[in-house]
Amino acid sequence: MAQAKLNMEKVEHQRLRKMLADMLAIHANRLESQGLDSAILFKQMAAGAERFCNEVLVDVAAANMCRETFEAMHQLERATILCGRAAA
């Protein structure tokens, strides 16, 4: 099954892409500067955005982008935790 892609001609998809990029950048910054507890909020926002796109907008492409952002945040958190353990 082919995965739906964002249509960058749609203003909604352009704004979603910018919002997710900003959330990912803030998540990474918070993870580095303030720790996991502060960063988790942004991962939860990505999960909420995915549910909104699925259930309210019924936009599979947008929901997939939110899910990919959530997964990227999760992987970054795991890497940060593992690097912290290795340094200790």
N, C-alpha and C. Protein backbone atom coordinates (compact mmCIF):
# COMPACT_ATOMS: atom_id res chain seq x y z
N MET A 1 0.84 -1.18 0.00
CA MET A 1 0.00 0.00 0.00
C MET A 1 0.88 1.25 0.00
N ALA A 2 0.62 2.15 -0.90
CA ALA A 2 1.38 3.39 -0.98
C ALA A 2 0.96 4.33 0.14
N GLN A 3 1.96 4.97 0.72
CA GLN A 3 1.68 5.89 1.82
C GLN A 3 1.28 7.25 1.26
N ALA A 4 0.21 7.81 1.82
CA ALA A 4 -0.25 9.13 1.38
C ALA A 4 0.80 10.19 1.72
N LYS A 5 0.99 11.13 0.83
CA LYS A 5 1.98 12.18 1.05
C LYS A 5 1.27 13.52 1.16
N LEU A 6 1.92 14.44 1.88
CA LEU A 6 1.36 15.78 2.00
C LEU A 6 1.33 16.44 0.63
N ASN A 7 0.26 17.16 0.37
CA ASN A 7 0.12 17.94 -0.85
C ASN A 7 0.53 19.36 -0.51
N MET A 8 1.71 19.76 -0.93
CA MET A 8 2.24 21.06 -0.55
C MET A 8 1.54 22.21 -1.27
N GLU A 9 0.59 21.90 -2.13
CA GLU A 9 -0.23 22.96 -2.72
C GLU A 9 -1.36 23.35 -1.78
N LYS A 10 -1.64 22.51 -0.79
CA LYS A 10 -2.69 22.82 0.18
C LYS A 10 -2.07 23.63 1.33
N VAL A 11 -2.67 24.76 1.61
CA VAL A 11 -2.16 25.64 2.67
C VAL A 11 -2.15 24.90 4.00
N GLU A 12 -3.15 24.08 4.24
CA GLU A 12 -3.23 23.35 5.50
C GLU A 12 -2.03 22.43 5.69
N HIS A 13 -1.60 21.78 4.62
CA HIS A 13 -0.45 20.88 4.70
C HIS A 13 0.85 21.67 4.87
N GLN A 14 0.94 22.84 4.24
CA GLN A 14 2.12 23.69 4.43
C GLN A 14 2.23 24.12 5.89
N ARG A 15 1.12 24.53 6.46
CA ARG A 15 1.13 24.98 7.86
C ARG A 15 1.41 23.83 8.81
N LEU A 16 0.85 22.66 8.52
CA LEU A 16 1.11 21.50 9.36
C LEU A 16 2.59 21.14 9.32
N ARG A 17 3.17 21.16 8.15
CA ARG A 17 4.59 20.84 8.02
C ARG A 17 5.45 21.80 8.84
N LYS A 18 5.14 23.10 8.76
CA LYS A 18 5.89 24.09 9.54
C LYS A 18 5.68 23.86 11.04
N MET A 19 4.45 23.62 11.45
CA MET A 19 4.17 23.40 12.86
C MET A 19 4.93 22.18 13.39
N LEU A 20 4.93 21.09 12.63
CA LEU A 20 5.62 19.88 13.06
C LEU A 20 7.13 20.09 13.09
N ALA A 21 7.65 20.82 12.13
CA ALA A 21 9.10 21.12 12.12
C ALA A 21 9.47 21.95 13.35
N ASP A 22 8.64 22.93 13.66
CA ASP A 22 8.88 23.76 14.85
C ASP A 22 8.80 22.91 16.12
N MET A 23 7.79 22.05 16.20
CA MET A 23 7.64 21.19 17.37
C MET A 23 8.84 20.26 17.54
N LEU A 24 9.33 19.71 16.44
CA LEU A 24 10.48 18.82 16.49
C LEU A 24 11.73 19.56 16.96
N ALA A 25 11.91 20.78 16.47
CA ALA A 25 13.07 21.57 16.86
C ALA A 25 12.99 21.95 18.35
N ILE A 26 11.83 22.36 18.80
CA ILE A 26 11.67 22.73 20.21
C ILE A 26 11.85 21.50 21.10
N HIS A 27 11.32 20.36 20.66
CA HIS A 27 11.47 19.11 21.40
C HIS A 27 12.95 18.78 21.59
N ALA A 28 13.71 18.87 20.51
CA ALA A 28 15.15 18.56 20.58
C ALA A 28 15.87 19.55 21.49
N ASN A 29 15.51 20.82 21.39
CA ASN A 29 16.13 21.84 22.24
C ASN A 29 15.80 21.59 23.71
N ARG A 30 14.54 21.33 24.00
CA ARG A 30 14.14 21.07 25.39
C ARG A 30 14.80 19.80 25.92
N LEU A 31 14.90 18.80 25.08
CA LEU A 31 15.51 17.55 25.50
C LEU A 31 16.96 17.78 25.92
N GLU A 32 17.66 18.60 25.16
CA GLU A 32 19.06 18.89 25.47
C GLU A 32 19.21 19.83 26.66
N SER A 33 18.36 20.85 26.74
CA SER A 33 18.57 21.88 27.75
C SER A 33 17.80 21.67 29.06
N GLN A 34 16.61 21.05 28.97
CA GLN A 34 15.78 20.94 30.17
C GLN A 34 15.45 19.51 30.58
N GLY A 35 15.74 18.57 29.71
CA GLY A 35 15.53 17.18 30.06
C GLY A 35 14.27 16.57 29.48
N LEU A 36 14.13 15.29 29.72
CA LEU A 36 13.07 14.48 29.13
C LEU A 36 11.67 14.94 29.52
N ASP A 37 11.46 15.28 30.79
CA ASP A 37 10.12 15.67 31.23
C ASP A 37 9.59 16.88 30.48
N SER A 38 10.44 17.83 30.20
CA SER A 38 10.04 19.03 29.47
C SER A 38 9.78 18.72 27.99
N ALA A 39 10.55 17.81 27.43
CA ALA A 39 10.44 17.50 26.00
C ALA A 39 9.23 16.64 25.68
N ILE A 40 8.82 15.81 26.62
CA ILE A 40 7.71 14.88 26.37
C ILE A 40 6.44 15.60 25.97
N LEU A 41 6.23 16.80 26.47
CA LEU A 41 5.04 17.58 26.13
C LEU A 41 4.89 17.72 24.62
N PHE A 42 5.98 17.94 23.92
CA PHE A 42 5.91 18.13 22.47
C PHE A 42 5.64 16.83 21.74
N LYS A 43 6.11 15.73 22.27
CA LYS A 43 5.78 14.42 21.69
C LYS A 43 4.28 14.15 21.86
N GLN A 44 3.74 14.52 23.01
CA GLN A 44 2.31 14.35 23.25
C GLN A 44 1.49 15.24 22.31
N MET A 45 2.00 16.43 22.01
CA MET A 45 1.31 17.31 21.06
C MET A 45 1.26 16.67 19.67
N ALA A 46 2.34 16.03 19.27
CA ALA A 46 2.37 15.36 17.96
C ALA A 46 1.36 14.21 17.93
N ALA A 47 1.25 13.48 19.03
CA ALA A 47 0.26 12.39 19.11
C ALA A 47 -1.15 12.95 19.04
N GLY A 48 -1.40 14.06 19.72
CA GLY A 48 -2.71 14.70 19.67
C GLY A 48 -3.04 15.21 18.28
N ALA A 49 -2.05 15.78 17.60
CA ALA A 49 -2.25 16.26 16.23
C ALA A 49 -2.59 15.10 15.30
N GLU A 50 -1.95 13.96 15.52
CA GLU A 50 -2.25 12.78 14.70
C GLU A 50 -3.71 12.36 14.89
N ARG A 51 -4.15 12.30 16.13
CA ARG A 51 -5.55 11.92 16.40
C ARG A 51 -6.51 12.92 15.77
N PHE A 52 -6.20 14.20 15.89
CA PHE A 52 -7.05 15.24 15.29
C PHE A 52 -7.14 15.06 13.78
N CYS A 53 -5.99 14.84 13.14
CA CYS A 53 -5.99 14.67 11.68
C CYS A 53 -6.77 13.42 11.26
N ASN A 54 -6.65 12.36 12.04
CA ASN A 54 -7.37 11.13 11.73
C ASN A 54 -8.87 11.26 11.95
N GLU A 55 -9.26 11.76 13.11
CA GLU A 55 -10.65 11.70 13.52
C GLU A 55 -11.48 12.92 13.11
N VAL A 56 -10.89 14.09 13.08
CA VAL A 56 -11.65 15.30 12.76
C VAL A 56 -11.49 15.67 11.28
N LEU A 57 -10.25 15.77 10.85
CA LEU A 57 -10.00 16.17 9.46
C LEU A 57 -10.14 15.01 8.48
N VAL A 58 -10.01 13.79 8.96
CA VAL A 58 -10.00 12.58 8.13
C VAL A 58 -9.00 12.77 6.99
N ASP A 59 -7.78 13.13 7.37
CA ASP A 59 -6.70 13.41 6.42
C ASP A 59 -5.56 12.45 6.72
N VAL A 60 -5.47 11.39 5.95
CA VAL A 60 -4.49 10.34 6.19
C VAL A 60 -3.06 10.86 6.01
N ALA A 61 -2.84 11.68 5.01
CA ALA A 61 -1.50 12.21 4.76
C ALA A 61 -1.02 13.06 5.94
N ALA A 62 -1.89 13.90 6.44
CA ALA A 62 -1.53 14.75 7.57
C ALA A 62 -1.29 13.90 8.82
N ALA A 63 -2.13 12.91 9.04
CA ALA A 63 -1.97 12.03 10.20
C ALA A 63 -0.65 11.27 10.11
N ASN A 64 -0.29 10.82 8.92
CA ASN A 64 0.98 10.11 8.73
C ASN A 64 2.17 11.01 9.05
N MET A 65 2.11 12.26 8.65
CA MET A 65 3.21 13.18 8.94
C MET A 65 3.33 13.41 10.44
N CYS A 66 2.20 13.52 11.12
CA CYS A 66 2.23 13.68 12.58
C CYS A 66 2.82 12.44 13.23
N ARG A 67 2.44 11.27 12.74
CA ARG A 67 2.96 10.02 13.29
C ARG A 67 4.47 9.92 13.08
N GLU A 68 4.94 10.31 11.90
CA GLU A 68 6.38 10.27 11.63
C GLU A 68 7.13 11.23 12.55
N THR A 69 6.55 12.37 12.82
CA THR A 69 7.17 13.33 13.74
C THR A 69 7.23 12.75 15.15
N PHE A 70 6.14 12.14 15.58
CA PHE A 70 6.09 11.48 16.89
C PHE A 70 7.19 10.42 16.99
N GLU A 71 7.32 9.61 15.96
CA GLU A 71 8.34 8.56 15.94
C GLU A 71 9.75 9.15 15.99
N ALA A 72 9.97 10.23 15.27
CA ALA A 72 11.30 10.88 15.28
C ALA A 72 11.62 11.40 16.69
N MET A 73 10.62 11.97 17.34
CA MET A 73 10.83 12.45 18.71
C MET A 73 11.13 11.30 19.65
N HIS A 74 10.41 10.21 19.48
CA HIS A 74 10.62 9.04 20.34
C HIS A 74 12.03 8.49 20.17
N GLN A 75 12.48 8.40 18.92
CA GLN A 75 13.84 7.90 18.65
C GLN A 75 14.90 8.84 19.24
N LEU A 76 14.66 10.13 19.15
CA LEU A 76 15.60 11.09 19.72
C LEU A 76 15.67 10.95 21.24
N GLU A 77 14.51 10.75 21.87
CA GLU A 77 14.50 10.53 23.32
C GLU A 77 15.26 9.26 23.70
N ARG A 78 15.04 8.19 22.96
CA ARG A 78 15.75 6.94 23.23
C ARG A 78 17.25 7.12 23.08
N ALA A 79 17.67 7.79 22.03
CA ALA A 79 19.11 8.02 21.81
C ALA A 79 19.70 8.86 22.93
N THR A 80 18.96 9.86 23.38
CA THR A 80 19.44 10.72 24.47
C THR A 80 19.59 9.92 25.76
N ILE A 81 18.63 9.07 26.04
CA ILE A 81 18.68 8.24 27.25
C ILE A 81 19.86 7.28 27.17
N LEU A 82 20.03 6.64 26.02
CA LEU A 82 21.13 5.69 25.87
C LEU A 82 22.49 6.36 25.95
N CYS A 83 22.60 7.56 25.36
CA CYS A 83 23.87 8.29 25.44
C CYS A 83 24.16 8.72 26.88
N GLY A 84 23.13 9.08 27.60
CA GLY A 84 23.29 9.45 29.01
C GLY A 84 23.77 8.29 29.85
N ARG A 85 23.25 7.11 29.56
CA ARG A 85 23.68 5.91 30.29
C ARG A 85 25.12 5.54 29.94
N ALA A 86 25.46 5.71 28.67
CA ALA A 86 26.81 5.37 28.24
C ALA A 86 27.85 6.32 28.86
N ALA A 87 27.46 7.57 29.03
CA ALA A 87 28.37 8.55 29.61
C ALA A 87 28.55 8.36 31.11
N ALA A 88 27.56 7.77 31.75
CA ALA A 88 27.62 7.62 33.22
C ALA A 88 28.56 6.52 33.65
